[in-house]
Amino acid sequence: MTIAELQTLLRAEMLCATQEENLNIQVAKASDLMSDVLAYTGPGELLLTGLTNHQVVRTCEIANVRVIIFVRGKKPADETVSLAARCNICLLATKLSMFESCGILFSHGIRGVSRTSETR
């Protein structure tokens, strides 16, 4: 799924674009615990979270997560957006809850980390 498709489905605002035009997202994880983000990683992932501090971006940089979607109408500070731009991580923000966002993505073919690891 492309970033444009994600943005449309979740009625999300683009906070920071990525330089990777052909980014294809297939797997999502939803967490406010950055240790969980680090524990379960794979290629082509996005993160849904309610945390908006710079540690989210740093964690995603380490875990190779290319898209962060902030839920519940939360938005990060300008410094966090600037850090994401330097790390080439796309930031989106939606007013939807984490539960609603996950449900929408799942119903459109995005799978969770544990589910994809079972089918490999």
Foldseek 3Di string as FASTA:
>chain_A
DAPVVLCVLQVKDWLAAFPPRPQAAAAEDEDPDLVVLQVQADPRYEYEYQDADLVVLVSCLVRVHQEYEHELQDYHDPVSNVSCNVSRHIYIYGNHHPVVSVVSVVVVRRYYRVVVVVVD
